[in-house]
Amino acid sequence: MPQIHPSAIVDRSVELADNVVVGPFCIIRGRVNIGAGTRLLHRVTIQGPVTIGEQNLLYPHTAVGYAPQDRKFDATEEGAGVVIGNQNTLREGVTIHRATHDEPTRLGDRNYMMVNTHLGHDVVVGNDCTFANGALMAGHVVVGDNVTFGGNAAVHQFCRVGRLVMMSGVVAVTQDVPPFCVVYDMRSVGSLNIVGLRRAGLREHVRPLKQAFQIFYNQKLPNNAAADRIDNELGDDPLCREFAEFIRNTKRGISPYRPAADLNPD
C-alpha cells in the first residue's frame, strides 16, 4: 500500500499505486493517478487532472497541474490536465501547468528538470531531455528527444525545438530550432551539434547533416525549396530527411544562422 505521511493532504479521488511515497506536507487534489515507485519527497503540490507514471522523483515545492498563465483561460476549468511519463526527476520549484485545449501538457520519460524550470500550458516534451536551472518553455512549445537547455534558456510560445538540440545558457529563441543544432546566441542557430551527435552514436550522419545544414542556411533558398533539395540530394540519410521535414513543417519560421565565430570577434 502507498506510504502517505500524516501531514499530507490527499483527496479521495486520488489513485496511488501500492508503493508510491507521499512525503510530509504534500497536497494532492482532484483526479490524480500516480504510478508505481513514484516518490513525492515533501511539500509537493498536485492539482488534477494529472497522470504521473512510474519511478518518478518529485522534489520539494514542485507544482504540477495548476491553471495556465493565460488571461483568456478560466482558471476553474480543469481542461485536459497534465500527463507525465516514467523515470523523470523534477527538482525543487519545477512548475508544469495544465493544458488549455483537448490534449494535455506532456512530459515524456527519463527527463531531468533542474531547479525552477517551467513547462507552460500545452507544452509537449519528449524523452531523455535535460533542462538546467531556470529553463523556461512558454505555452504550446514542442521539444524533441535528447534536448539540452542551459541555465535560464527560454523558448517563445508556439515554437518547436528539434531532437538533439543544445541551447546554451541565458539564450532565447522566438522561432523554431531545427534538430541536431546548437543555439549559442539570442534567437539564432550557431552550428550543428556535432558533439551531441557523436555521443549519441550517430557519427556516420555528421557529414550528410553538414551538407543539409549548408543547403538550408547558406544557399538562401525558401524553406520548401531547401527541404526538397535536401531530400533529393541527401534523402538516403534518415536524419537529413528529419531535418528537411522539420523545416518544411515550420509555422513560426526557422531561427536564423549566426556562425559561432561571429560571437567572439577579434
Protein backbone atom coordinates (compact mmCIF):
# COMPACT_ATOMS: atom_id res chain seq x y z
CA MET A 1 0.00 0.00 0.00
CA PRO A 2 1.16 3.59 -0.58
CA GLN A 3 3.09 5.40 2.15
CA ILE A 4 1.36 8.68 2.97
CA HIS A 5 2.80 10.93 5.65
CA PRO A 6 0.21 12.01 8.26
CA SER A 7 0.76 15.68 7.40
CA ALA A 8 -0.05 15.17 3.70
CA ILE A 9 -3.47 16.06 2.24
CA VAL A 10 -4.68 13.56 -0.37
CA ASP A 11 -8.19 13.70 -1.84
CA ARG A 12 -10.27 10.53 -2.01
CA SER A 13 -10.34 10.90 -5.79
CA VAL A 14 -6.56 10.36 -5.95
CA GLU A 15 -5.36 6.92 -7.11
CA LEU A 16 -1.95 5.83 -5.87
CA ALA A 17 -0.07 2.64 -6.79
CA ASP A 18 0.87 0.39 -3.90
CA ASN A 19 4.45 1.62 -3.43
CA VAL A 20 4.00 5.35 -4.05
CA VAL A 21 5.55 7.54 -1.34
CA VAL A 22 3.86 10.83 -0.42
CA GLY A 23 6.08 12.80 1.94
CA PRO A 24 5.35 15.44 4.59
CA PHE A 25 3.09 18.41 3.75
CA CYS A 26 2.32 17.28 0.20
CA ILE A 27 -1.09 18.27 -1.20
CA ILE A 28 -2.78 16.20 -3.94
CA ARG A 29 -6.25 17.24 -5.08
CA GLY A 30 -8.64 16.31 -7.87
CA ARG A 31 -8.41 13.50 -10.40
CA VAL A 32 -4.84 12.32 -9.99
CA ASN A 33 -3.29 8.95 -10.79
CA ILE A 34 0.30 8.20 -9.70
CA GLY A 35 2.17 5.08 -10.83
CA ALA A 36 4.33 2.58 -9.02
CA GLY A 37 7.56 3.68 -7.40
CA THR A 38 6.98 7.42 -7.75
CA ARG A 39 8.09 9.48 -4.75
CA LEU A 40 6.98 12.93 -3.64
CA LEU A 41 9.64 13.99 -1.16
CA HIS A 42 7.79 16.77 0.69
CA ARG A 43 5.78 19.95 0.06
CA VAL A 44 4.86 18.82 -3.47
CA THR A 45 1.50 20.11 -4.73
CA ILE A 46 -0.52 18.46 -7.49
CA GLN A 47 -3.88 19.63 -8.86
CA GLY A 48 -5.72 17.21 -11.13
CA PRO A 49 -6.42 16.14 -13.71
CA VAL A 50 -2.88 14.77 -13.62
CA THR A 51 -1.46 11.38 -14.56
CA ILE A 52 2.07 10.56 -13.39
CA GLY A 53 3.79 7.34 -14.42
CA GLU A 54 6.23 5.08 -12.63
CA GLN A 55 9.55 5.71 -10.85
CA ASN A 56 9.39 9.49 -10.91
CA LEU A 57 11.03 11.63 -8.22
CA LEU A 58 9.48 14.98 -7.29
CA TYR A 59 11.49 17.30 -5.05
CA PRO A 60 10.12 19.93 -2.64
CA HIS A 61 7.98 22.79 -3.96
CA THR A 62 7.27 21.13 -7.28
CA ALA A 63 3.82 22.22 -8.50
CA VAL A 64 2.01 20.24 -11.20
CA GLY A 65 -1.37 20.77 -12.82
CA TYR A 66 -2.29 24.29 -11.82
CA ALA A 67 -4.09 26.69 -14.14
CA PRO A 68 -2.23 28.12 -17.13
CA GLN A 69 -0.83 31.62 -17.00
CA ASP A 70 -3.26 32.72 -19.70
CA ARG A 71 -5.62 35.68 -19.23
CA LYS A 72 -8.15 34.11 -21.60
CA PHE A 73 -8.37 30.85 -19.66
CA ASP A 74 -10.94 30.25 -16.93
CA ALA A 75 -8.82 29.03 -14.01
CA THR A 76 -11.76 26.99 -12.68
CA GLU A 77 -11.79 24.78 -15.80
CA GLU A 78 -9.93 21.50 -15.44
CA GLY A 79 -9.01 21.21 -19.10
CA ALA A 80 -7.05 18.20 -20.29
CA GLY A 81 -4.57 18.45 -17.41
CA VAL A 82 -1.01 17.10 -17.36
CA VAL A 83 0.48 13.73 -18.28
CA ILE A 84 3.96 12.79 -17.03
CA GLY A 85 5.71 9.60 -18.13
CA ASN A 86 8.21 7.41 -16.30
CA GLN A 87 11.56 7.89 -14.55
CA ASN A 88 11.57 11.67 -14.60
CA THR A 89 13.30 13.83 -11.99
CA LEU A 90 11.65 17.14 -11.09
CA ARG A 91 13.92 19.17 -8.85
CA GLU A 92 12.96 21.95 -6.42
CA GLY A 93 10.48 24.52 -7.67
CA VAL A 94 9.61 22.90 -11.00
CA THR A 95 6.23 24.05 -12.37
CA ILE A 96 4.13 22.29 -15.02
CA HIS A 97 0.81 23.91 -15.95
CA ARG A 98 -2.25 22.15 -17.28
CA ALA A 99 -3.43 22.42 -20.86
CA THR A 100 -5.97 24.84 -22.30
CA HIS A 101 -7.11 22.53 -25.11
CA ASP A 102 -8.12 18.91 -25.60
CA GLU A 103 -4.62 17.44 -25.36
CA PRO A 104 -2.75 17.52 -22.03
CA THR A 105 0.55 19.18 -21.28
CA ARG A 106 3.01 16.29 -21.65
CA LEU A 107 6.40 15.34 -20.25
CA GLY A 108 7.83 12.09 -21.63
CA ASP A 109 10.24 9.65 -19.99
CA ARG A 110 13.65 9.97 -18.30
CA ASN A 111 13.78 13.75 -18.34
CA TYR A 112 15.78 15.73 -15.78
CA MET A 113 14.30 19.11 -14.86
CA MET A 114 16.55 21.15 -12.59
CA VAL A 115 15.59 23.85 -10.09
CA ASN A 116 12.85 26.31 -11.13
CA THR A 117 12.34 25.00 -14.65
CA HIS A 118 8.92 25.67 -16.15
CA LEU A 119 6.65 23.95 -18.66
CA GLY A 120 3.84 26.25 -19.70
CA HIS A 121 0.36 25.15 -20.73
CA ASP A 122 0.06 22.78 -23.70
CA VAL A 123 3.81 22.13 -23.85
CA VAL A 124 4.92 18.74 -25.18
CA VAL A 125 8.38 17.43 -24.20
CA GLY A 126 9.87 14.17 -25.48
CA ASN A 127 12.25 11.78 -23.74
CA ASP A 128 15.75 12.00 -22.23
CA CYS A 129 15.92 15.79 -22.09
CA THR A 130 17.93 17.82 -19.58
CA PHE A 131 16.82 21.30 -18.54
CA ALA A 132 19.23 23.27 -16.35
CA ASN A 133 18.11 25.68 -13.63
CA GLY A 134 15.56 28.27 -14.70
CA ALA A 135 14.89 26.90 -18.19
CA LEU A 136 11.54 28.19 -19.47
CA MET A 137 9.14 26.85 -22.10
CA ALA A 138 6.15 29.05 -22.87
CA GLY A 139 2.73 27.79 -23.92
CA HIS A 140 2.38 25.33 -26.82
CA VAL A 141 6.14 24.76 -27.16
CA VAL A 142 7.15 21.34 -28.55
CA VAL A 143 10.54 19.87 -27.59
CA GLY A 144 12.01 16.73 -29.18
CA ASP A 145 14.03 13.93 -27.59
CA ASN A 146 17.54 14.29 -26.13
CA VAL A 147 17.41 18.08 -25.97
CA THR A 148 19.59 20.02 -23.52
CA PHE A 149 18.87 23.53 -22.23
CA GLY A 150 21.45 25.57 -20.36
CA GLY A 151 20.50 27.63 -17.32
CA ASN A 152 17.81 30.26 -17.93
CA ALA A 153 17.36 29.30 -21.59
CA ALA A 154 13.90 30.23 -22.85
CA VAL A 155 11.60 29.35 -25.74
CA HIS A 156 8.84 31.62 -27.08
CA GLN A 157 5.29 30.26 -27.25
CA PHE A 158 4.35 28.02 -30.20
CA CYS A 159 7.99 27.32 -31.10
CA ARG A 160 9.40 23.87 -31.80
CA VAL A 161 12.83 22.64 -30.71
CA GLY A 162 14.04 19.63 -32.66
CA ARG A 163 15.69 16.46 -31.48
CA LEU A 164 19.24 16.59 -30.08
CA VAL A 165 19.30 20.39 -29.93
CA MET A 166 21.66 22.04 -27.45
CA MET A 167 20.75 25.51 -26.14
CA SER A 168 23.41 27.45 -24.27
CA GLY A 169 22.62 29.19 -21.01
CA VAL A 170 20.86 32.58 -20.91
CA VAL A 171 19.67 32.49 -24.52
CA ALA A 172 16.19 32.65 -26.00
CA VAL A 173 14.61 31.66 -29.31
CA THR A 174 11.49 33.07 -30.93
CA GLN A 175 11.41 30.75 -33.95
CA ASP A 176 11.81 27.01 -34.48
CA VAL A 177 15.21 25.38 -33.93
CA PRO A 178 15.93 22.51 -36.37
CA PRO A 179 17.04 19.15 -35.00
CA PHE A 180 20.72 18.47 -34.36
CA CYS A 181 21.65 22.15 -33.96
CA VAL A 182 23.25 24.32 -31.27
CA VAL A 183 21.93 27.71 -30.12
CA TYR A 184 24.82 29.83 -28.87
CA ASP A 185 23.30 33.30 -29.07
CA MET A 186 19.94 35.05 -28.78
CA ARG A 187 17.45 33.99 -31.46
CA SER A 188 19.99 32.26 -33.69
CA VAL A 189 21.50 28.89 -34.53
CA GLY A 190 25.30 28.72 -34.41
CA SER A 191 26.22 25.25 -35.69
CA LEU A 192 25.36 21.60 -35.83
CA ASN A 193 25.50 19.72 -32.52
CA ILE A 194 28.38 17.56 -33.69
CA VAL A 195 29.50 16.57 -30.19
CA GLY A 196 25.95 15.56 -29.29
CA LEU A 197 25.59 13.50 -32.47
CA ARG A 198 28.84 11.64 -31.77
CA ARG A 199 27.90 10.97 -28.16
CA ALA A 200 24.53 9.63 -29.33
CA GLY A 201 26.28 7.13 -31.60
CA LEU A 202 25.29 8.99 -34.78
CA ARG A 203 28.79 9.80 -36.04
CA GLU A 204 28.07 8.46 -39.55
CA HIS A 205 25.34 11.08 -40.01
CA VAL A 206 27.57 14.10 -39.30
CA ARG A 207 28.89 14.51 -42.86
CA PRO A 208 25.48 14.41 -44.63
CA LEU A 209 23.95 16.65 -41.95
CA LYS A 210 26.71 19.21 -42.54
CA GLN A 211 25.66 19.23 -46.20
CA ALA A 212 21.97 19.60 -45.26
CA PHE A 213 22.85 22.44 -42.89
CA GLN A 214 24.82 24.17 -45.65
CA ILE A 215 21.97 23.81 -48.16
CA PHE A 216 19.45 25.33 -45.81
CA TYR A 217 21.45 28.10 -44.19
CA ASN A 218 23.94 29.10 -46.90
CA GLN A 219 22.05 28.64 -50.16
CA LYS A 220 19.36 31.19 -49.17
CA LEU A 221 16.55 29.07 -50.61
CA PRO A 222 12.90 29.28 -49.49
CA ASN A 223 12.12 26.73 -46.80
CA ASN A 224 10.23 24.28 -49.00
CA ALA A 225 12.79 24.53 -51.81
CA ALA A 226 15.63 23.87 -49.35
CA ALA A 227 13.77 20.91 -47.84
CA ASP A 228 13.12 19.47 -51.31
CA ARG A 229 16.78 19.83 -52.27
CA ILE A 230 17.90 18.11 -49.06
CA ASP A 231 15.50 15.25 -49.77
CA ASN A 232 16.67 14.97 -53.36
CA GLU A 233 20.40 15.08 -52.63
CA LEU A 234 20.60 13.53 -49.15
CA GLY A 235 17.37 11.57 -48.81
CA ASP A 236 19.21 8.31 -48.19
CA ASP A 237 20.13 9.62 -44.74
CA PRO A 238 17.20 9.43 -42.27
CA LEU A 239 18.50 12.31 -40.15
CA CYS A 240 18.70 14.55 -43.20
CA ARG A 241 15.12 13.63 -44.03
CA GLU A 242 14.15 14.52 -40.46
CA PHE A 243 15.96 17.85 -40.78
CA ALA A 244 14.15 18.60 -44.06
CA GLU A 245 10.74 17.61 -42.73
CA PHE A 246 11.17 19.86 -39.71
CA ILE A 247 11.95 22.82 -41.97
CA ARG A 248 9.02 22.02 -44.25
CA ASN A 249 6.55 21.96 -41.35
CA THR A 250 7.52 25.22 -39.66
CA LYS A 251 4.80 27.73 -38.87
CA ARG A 252 6.81 30.31 -36.93
CA GLY A 253 9.80 30.23 -39.25
CA ILE A 254 13.28 28.85 -38.58
CA SER A 255 15.81 30.52 -36.29
CA PRO A 256 18.45 32.25 -38.45
CA TYR A 257 22.09 31.24 -38.65
CA ARG A 258 24.79 33.22 -36.93
CA PRO A 259 28.16 31.45 -37.02
CA ALA A 260 29.68 30.79 -33.63
CA ALA A 261 32.86 32.62 -34.72
CA ASP A 262 30.85 35.81 -35.04
CA LEU A 263 30.12 35.76 -31.32
CA ASN A 264 33.76 36.40 -30.38
CA PRO A 265 35.13 38.82 -32.97
CA ASP A 266 38.83 39.75 -32.81
